[in-house]
N, C-alpha and C. Protein backbone atom coordinates (compact mmCIF):
# COMPACT_ATOMS: atom_id res chain seq x y z
N MET A 1 0.86 -1.17 0.00
CA MET A 1 0.00 0.02 0.01
C MET A 1 0.90 1.23 0.01
N ARG A 2 0.52 2.22 -0.76
CA ARG A 2 1.29 3.44 -0.83
C ARG A 2 1.05 4.29 0.44
N ASN A 3 1.90 5.27 0.62
CA ASN A 3 1.75 6.17 1.76
C ASN A 3 0.70 7.23 1.46
N TYR A 4 -0.06 7.63 2.48
CA TYR A 4 -1.03 8.73 2.39
C TYR A 4 -0.56 9.77 3.41
N LEU A 5 0.06 10.86 2.92
CA LEU A 5 0.78 11.76 3.78
C LEU A 5 -0.09 12.85 4.40
N ARG A 6 -1.34 12.90 4.10
CA ARG A 6 -2.26 13.87 4.74
C ARG A 6 -3.56 13.17 5.00
N ASP A 7 -4.40 13.81 5.80
CA ASP A 7 -5.70 13.19 6.13
C ASP A 7 -6.43 12.78 4.87
N THR A 8 -6.74 11.49 4.78
CA THR A 8 -7.44 10.93 3.63
C THR A 8 -8.71 10.27 4.18
N SER A 9 -9.83 10.53 3.54
CA SER A 9 -11.09 9.89 3.94
C SER A 9 -10.95 8.37 3.81
N LEU A 10 -11.46 7.66 4.80
CA LEU A 10 -11.33 6.21 4.82
C LEU A 10 -12.56 5.56 4.21
N THR A 11 -12.46 5.18 2.96
CA THR A 11 -13.54 4.47 2.25
C THR A 11 -13.48 3.01 2.64
N PRO A 12 -14.55 2.23 2.42
CA PRO A 12 -14.52 0.80 2.70
C PRO A 12 -13.40 0.09 1.95
N ALA A 13 -13.13 0.48 0.72
CA ALA A 13 -12.05 -0.17 -0.06
C ALA A 13 -10.68 0.15 0.54
N LEU A 14 -10.45 1.43 0.93
CA LEU A 14 -9.19 1.80 1.57
C LEU A 14 -9.05 1.13 2.95
N ARG A 15 -10.16 0.97 3.65
CA ARG A 15 -10.10 0.30 4.95
C ARG A 15 -9.64 -1.15 4.79
N ALA A 16 -10.19 -1.82 3.83
CA ALA A 16 -9.80 -3.23 3.57
C ALA A 16 -8.33 -3.29 3.17
N GLU A 17 -7.89 -2.38 2.33
CA GLU A 17 -6.50 -2.35 1.89
C GLU A 17 -5.55 -2.04 3.07
N LEU A 18 -5.96 -1.10 3.92
CA LEU A 18 -5.15 -0.75 5.08
C LEU A 18 -5.03 -1.92 6.06
N MET A 19 -6.16 -2.64 6.27
CA MET A 19 -6.15 -3.78 7.20
C MET A 19 -5.26 -4.88 6.63
N GLU A 20 -5.33 -5.09 5.35
CA GLU A 20 -4.47 -6.14 4.74
C GLU A 20 -2.99 -5.76 4.86
N ASP A 21 -2.68 -4.48 4.68
CA ASP A 21 -1.31 -4.02 4.76
C ASP A 21 -0.77 -4.10 6.22
N CYS A 22 -1.60 -3.86 7.20
CA CYS A 22 -1.17 -3.83 8.58
C CYS A 22 -1.26 -5.19 9.28
N LYS A 23 -1.95 -6.12 8.70
CA LYS A 23 -2.20 -7.43 9.30
C LYS A 23 -0.92 -8.15 9.69
N GLY A 24 -0.84 -8.58 10.94
CA GLY A 24 0.26 -9.38 11.43
C GLY A 24 1.54 -8.62 11.69
N LYS A 25 1.50 -7.31 11.65
CA LYS A 25 2.71 -6.54 11.88
C LYS A 25 2.69 -5.98 13.31
N GLY A 26 3.46 -6.63 14.16
CA GLY A 26 3.50 -6.24 15.59
C GLY A 26 4.45 -5.09 15.88
N GLY A 27 5.40 -4.85 15.03
CA GLY A 27 6.35 -3.81 15.24
C GLY A 27 7.58 -4.28 15.97
N ASP A 28 8.60 -3.43 16.02
CA ASP A 28 9.85 -3.77 16.72
C ASP A 28 9.66 -3.48 18.23
N PRO A 29 10.68 -3.77 19.04
CA PRO A 29 10.55 -3.58 20.47
C PRO A 29 10.26 -2.14 20.89
N ASP A 30 10.60 -1.18 20.07
CA ASP A 30 10.32 0.22 20.41
C ASP A 30 9.03 0.76 19.80
N ALA A 31 8.24 -0.13 19.19
CA ALA A 31 6.97 0.30 18.56
C ALA A 31 6.03 0.86 19.64
N GLU A 32 5.27 1.89 19.26
CA GLU A 32 4.40 2.51 20.22
C GLU A 32 3.03 2.67 19.65
N THR A 33 2.08 2.81 20.58
CA THR A 33 0.68 3.14 20.25
C THR A 33 0.26 4.29 21.14
N VAL A 34 -0.33 5.30 20.56
CA VAL A 34 -0.68 6.52 21.31
C VAL A 34 -2.15 6.88 21.03
N LEU A 35 -2.87 7.16 22.10
CA LEU A 35 -4.24 7.64 21.98
C LEU A 35 -4.31 9.04 22.55
N ASN A 36 -4.76 10.03 21.74
CA ASN A 36 -4.79 11.41 22.16
C ASN A 36 -6.21 11.89 22.21
N TYR A 37 -6.63 12.29 23.39
CA TYR A 37 -8.00 12.81 23.58
C TYR A 37 -7.89 14.11 24.36
N THR A 38 -8.46 15.17 23.81
CA THR A 38 -8.46 16.43 24.52
C THR A 38 -9.90 16.92 24.68
N LYS A 39 -10.11 17.70 25.72
CA LYS A 39 -11.47 18.19 26.00
C LYS A 39 -11.92 19.15 24.92
N ARG A 40 -11.00 19.90 24.32
CA ARG A 40 -11.36 20.85 23.26
C ARG A 40 -11.87 20.15 22.05
N SER A 41 -11.28 19.00 21.76
CA SER A 41 -11.69 18.22 20.60
C SER A 41 -12.65 17.11 21.05
N HIS A 42 -13.79 17.50 21.48
CA HIS A 42 -14.75 16.53 22.05
C HIS A 42 -15.53 15.73 21.02
N THR A 43 -15.16 15.85 19.75
CA THR A 43 -15.86 15.11 18.72
C THR A 43 -15.07 13.89 18.21
N HIS A 44 -13.76 13.86 18.46
CA HIS A 44 -12.97 12.77 17.97
C HIS A 44 -11.74 12.53 18.86
N VAL A 45 -11.12 11.36 18.70
CA VAL A 45 -9.83 11.03 19.28
C VAL A 45 -8.85 10.77 18.18
N ASP A 46 -7.58 11.02 18.45
CA ASP A 46 -6.52 10.72 17.51
C ASP A 46 -5.78 9.49 17.98
N PHE A 47 -5.59 8.55 17.11
CA PHE A 47 -4.95 7.27 17.40
C PHE A 47 -3.76 7.13 16.49
N TYR A 48 -2.60 6.82 17.02
CA TYR A 48 -1.42 6.59 16.22
C TYR A 48 -0.75 5.32 16.66
N SER A 49 -0.24 4.53 15.71
CA SER A 49 0.45 3.29 16.07
C SER A 49 1.44 2.90 15.03
N CYS A 50 2.59 2.43 15.53
CA CYS A 50 3.60 1.76 14.66
C CYS A 50 3.33 0.28 14.57
N ARG A 51 2.40 -0.17 15.40
CA ARG A 51 2.01 -1.60 15.46
C ARG A 51 0.81 -1.85 14.59
N GLY A 52 1.04 -2.51 13.49
CA GLY A 52 -0.07 -2.80 12.54
C GLY A 52 -1.22 -3.60 13.18
N SER A 53 -0.87 -4.44 14.15
CA SER A 53 -1.93 -5.25 14.81
C SER A 53 -2.88 -4.37 15.59
N ASP A 54 -2.38 -3.26 16.20
CA ASP A 54 -3.28 -2.34 16.93
C ASP A 54 -4.17 -1.58 15.95
N VAL A 55 -3.59 -1.17 14.83
CA VAL A 55 -4.39 -0.49 13.81
C VAL A 55 -5.48 -1.39 13.32
N CYS A 56 -5.20 -2.67 13.06
CA CYS A 56 -6.21 -3.62 12.62
C CYS A 56 -7.32 -3.77 13.65
N ARG A 57 -6.97 -3.83 14.92
CA ARG A 57 -7.97 -3.98 15.97
C ARG A 57 -8.94 -2.80 16.01
N VAL A 58 -8.42 -1.60 15.89
CA VAL A 58 -9.27 -0.41 15.88
C VAL A 58 -10.16 -0.42 14.63
N LEU A 59 -9.59 -0.74 13.48
CA LEU A 59 -10.39 -0.78 12.23
C LEU A 59 -11.45 -1.86 12.30
N ARG A 60 -11.13 -2.97 12.91
CA ARG A 60 -12.11 -4.09 12.99
C ARG A 60 -13.26 -3.71 13.95
N ARG A 61 -12.92 -3.07 15.06
CA ARG A 61 -13.93 -2.78 16.08
C ARG A 61 -14.74 -1.51 15.78
N ALA A 62 -14.09 -0.51 15.16
CA ALA A 62 -14.76 0.80 14.98
C ALA A 62 -14.38 1.45 13.67
N GLY A 63 -14.13 0.67 12.63
CA GLY A 63 -13.71 1.16 11.36
C GLY A 63 -14.69 2.16 10.71
N SER A 64 -15.97 1.97 10.93
CA SER A 64 -16.93 2.90 10.31
C SER A 64 -16.92 4.25 10.99
N ALA A 65 -16.32 4.38 12.14
CA ALA A 65 -16.23 5.65 12.86
C ALA A 65 -14.95 6.42 12.56
N VAL A 66 -14.08 5.81 11.77
CA VAL A 66 -12.82 6.49 11.40
C VAL A 66 -13.11 7.53 10.31
N GLU A 67 -12.85 8.79 10.59
CA GLU A 67 -13.11 9.86 9.63
C GLU A 67 -12.03 9.93 8.58
N SER A 68 -10.77 9.86 9.05
CA SER A 68 -9.66 9.99 8.10
C SER A 68 -8.43 9.28 8.67
N PHE A 69 -7.44 9.10 7.82
CA PHE A 69 -6.21 8.46 8.22
C PHE A 69 -5.02 9.06 7.49
N THR A 70 -3.87 8.87 8.07
CA THR A 70 -2.59 9.23 7.45
C THR A 70 -1.69 8.03 7.60
N LYS A 71 -1.08 7.59 6.53
CA LYS A 71 -0.18 6.44 6.60
C LYS A 71 1.18 6.83 6.07
N ARG A 72 2.16 6.53 6.89
CA ARG A 72 3.56 6.71 6.50
C ARG A 72 4.26 5.37 6.69
N ASP A 73 5.51 5.29 6.28
CA ASP A 73 6.27 4.07 6.43
C ASP A 73 6.34 3.60 7.88
N GLU A 74 6.46 4.55 8.81
CA GLU A 74 6.67 4.21 10.23
C GLU A 74 5.37 3.94 11.02
N GLY A 75 4.22 4.37 10.51
CA GLY A 75 3.02 4.10 11.26
C GLY A 75 1.78 4.70 10.64
N VAL A 76 0.67 4.55 11.32
CA VAL A 76 -0.65 4.99 10.84
C VAL A 76 -1.33 5.87 11.90
N SER A 77 -1.93 6.98 11.47
CA SER A 77 -2.72 7.82 12.34
C SER A 77 -4.19 7.69 11.90
N LEU A 78 -5.08 7.57 12.88
CA LEU A 78 -6.49 7.49 12.61
C LEU A 78 -7.20 8.60 13.36
N LYS A 79 -8.15 9.25 12.76
CA LYS A 79 -9.02 10.22 13.44
C LYS A 79 -10.35 9.55 13.59
N VAL A 80 -10.72 9.23 14.84
CA VAL A 80 -11.92 8.42 15.11
C VAL A 80 -12.97 9.25 15.86
N ARG A 81 -14.19 9.24 15.33
CA ARG A 81 -15.31 9.93 15.98
C ARG A 81 -15.58 9.34 17.32
N ILE A 82 -15.99 10.10 18.29
CA ILE A 82 -16.31 9.65 19.61
C ILE A 82 -17.67 8.99 19.65
N ARG A 83 -18.61 9.49 18.83
CA ARG A 83 -19.96 8.92 18.75
C ARG A 83 -20.34 8.68 17.30
N THR A 84 -21.17 7.67 17.09
CA THR A 84 -21.68 7.40 15.73
C THR A 84 -22.82 8.38 15.42
N GLU A 85 -23.29 8.37 14.20
CA GLU A 85 -24.38 9.28 13.82
C GLU A 85 -25.63 9.05 14.64
N ASP A 86 -25.87 7.79 15.09
CA ASP A 86 -27.08 7.51 15.87
C ASP A 86 -26.87 7.67 17.37
N GLY A 87 -25.67 8.24 17.76
CA GLY A 87 -25.42 8.57 19.15
C GLY A 87 -24.72 7.51 20.00
N ARG A 88 -24.41 6.36 19.42
CA ARG A 88 -23.72 5.35 20.21
C ARG A 88 -22.28 5.74 20.43
N LYS A 89 -21.78 5.42 21.64
CA LYS A 89 -20.39 5.77 21.97
C LYS A 89 -19.42 4.83 21.28
N VAL A 90 -18.40 5.40 20.65
CA VAL A 90 -17.32 4.64 20.05
C VAL A 90 -16.15 4.60 21.02
N PHE A 91 -15.80 5.74 21.58
CA PHE A 91 -14.70 5.86 22.54
C PHE A 91 -15.29 5.96 23.93
N ARG A 92 -14.94 5.01 24.76
CA ARG A 92 -15.51 4.92 26.13
C ARG A 92 -14.73 5.71 27.14
N GLY A 93 -13.52 6.08 26.82
CA GLY A 93 -12.65 6.79 27.76
C GLY A 93 -11.40 6.06 28.02
N PHE A 94 -10.34 6.81 28.30
CA PHE A 94 -9.05 6.18 28.47
C PHE A 94 -8.98 5.30 29.72
N GLU A 95 -9.79 5.64 30.75
CA GLU A 95 -9.75 4.89 32.00
C GLU A 95 -10.17 3.42 31.84
N PHE A 96 -10.90 3.12 30.78
CA PHE A 96 -11.32 1.74 30.55
C PHE A 96 -10.22 0.91 29.87
N SER A 97 -9.05 1.49 29.68
CA SER A 97 -7.90 0.77 29.17
C SER A 97 -7.25 -0.08 30.27
N PHE A 98 -7.64 0.20 31.51
CA PHE A 98 -7.00 -0.46 32.63
C PHE A 98 -7.99 -1.37 33.33
N ALA A 99 -7.53 -2.54 33.74
CA ALA A 99 -8.36 -3.47 34.48
C ALA A 99 -8.59 -2.94 35.87
N PRO A 100 -9.78 -3.07 36.42
CA PRO A 100 -10.09 -2.51 37.74
C PRO A 100 -9.61 -3.44 38.88
N ILE A 101 -8.32 -3.65 38.97
CA ILE A 101 -7.79 -4.61 39.96
C ILE A 101 -8.01 -4.16 41.38
N ASP A 102 -7.98 -2.87 41.65
CA ASP A 102 -8.20 -2.38 43.02
C ASP A 102 -9.67 -2.42 43.39
N VAL A 103 -10.54 -2.32 42.40
CA VAL A 103 -11.97 -2.37 42.67
C VAL A 103 -12.49 -3.77 42.91
N GLU A 104 -11.93 -4.73 42.19
CA GLU A 104 -12.37 -6.13 42.27
C GLU A 104 -12.22 -6.71 43.69
N SER A 105 -11.21 -6.26 44.41
CA SER A 105 -10.94 -6.81 45.73
C SER A 105 -11.85 -6.24 46.81
N GLN A 106 -12.60 -5.19 46.48
CA GLN A 106 -13.48 -4.58 47.45
C GLN A 106 -14.91 -5.04 47.21
N PRO A 107 -15.71 -5.22 48.29
CA PRO A 107 -17.10 -5.61 48.08
C PRO A 107 -17.88 -4.50 47.33
N MET A 108 -18.84 -4.97 46.53
CA MET A 108 -19.63 -4.02 45.76
C MET A 108 -20.60 -3.29 46.66
N PRO A 109 -20.73 -1.98 46.59
CA PRO A 109 -21.69 -1.24 47.44
C PRO A 109 -23.11 -1.73 47.19
N ALA A 110 -23.92 -1.73 48.21
CA ALA A 110 -25.30 -2.22 48.13
C ALA A 110 -26.06 -1.48 47.06
N THR A 111 -25.79 -0.22 46.86
CA THR A 111 -26.53 0.59 45.87
C THR A 111 -26.24 0.15 44.44
N LEU A 112 -25.13 -0.57 44.20
CA LEU A 112 -24.80 -1.02 42.86
C LEU A 112 -25.14 -2.49 42.58
N LYS A 113 -25.54 -3.23 43.63
CA LYS A 113 -25.88 -4.62 43.46
C LYS A 113 -27.16 -4.76 42.65
N ALA A 114 -27.21 -5.79 41.82
CA ALA A 114 -28.40 -6.00 40.97
C ALA A 114 -29.62 -6.27 41.83
N GLY A 115 -30.69 -5.68 41.42
CA GLY A 115 -31.98 -5.91 42.11
C GLY A 115 -32.21 -5.04 43.29
N THR A 116 -31.33 -4.10 43.57
CA THR A 116 -31.56 -3.20 44.72
C THR A 116 -31.77 -1.80 44.27
């Protein structure tokens, strides 16, 4: 796949081509994945990765919410809408990237238990 050096709309054909190009590429030991979310830009998040496998996961899970992308030899940037046109959340928040290990060891408050 050729490089796309500026924001390019992600059509279904380009999405399939990008997924095929990134498939199975985990990156070297210094490969990184970055998610950038700012309060000012409350309509989208910016995702960048040198790891093709991470790009494929985002495209597989939320590809229809990707507005545009930039592809260079070293990695791919995606601009992903936070909500779909029908209002469903695409981006749940960065805090859900972490397992709630400290919460699991504590008993659930009565107000949160099912049926109360």
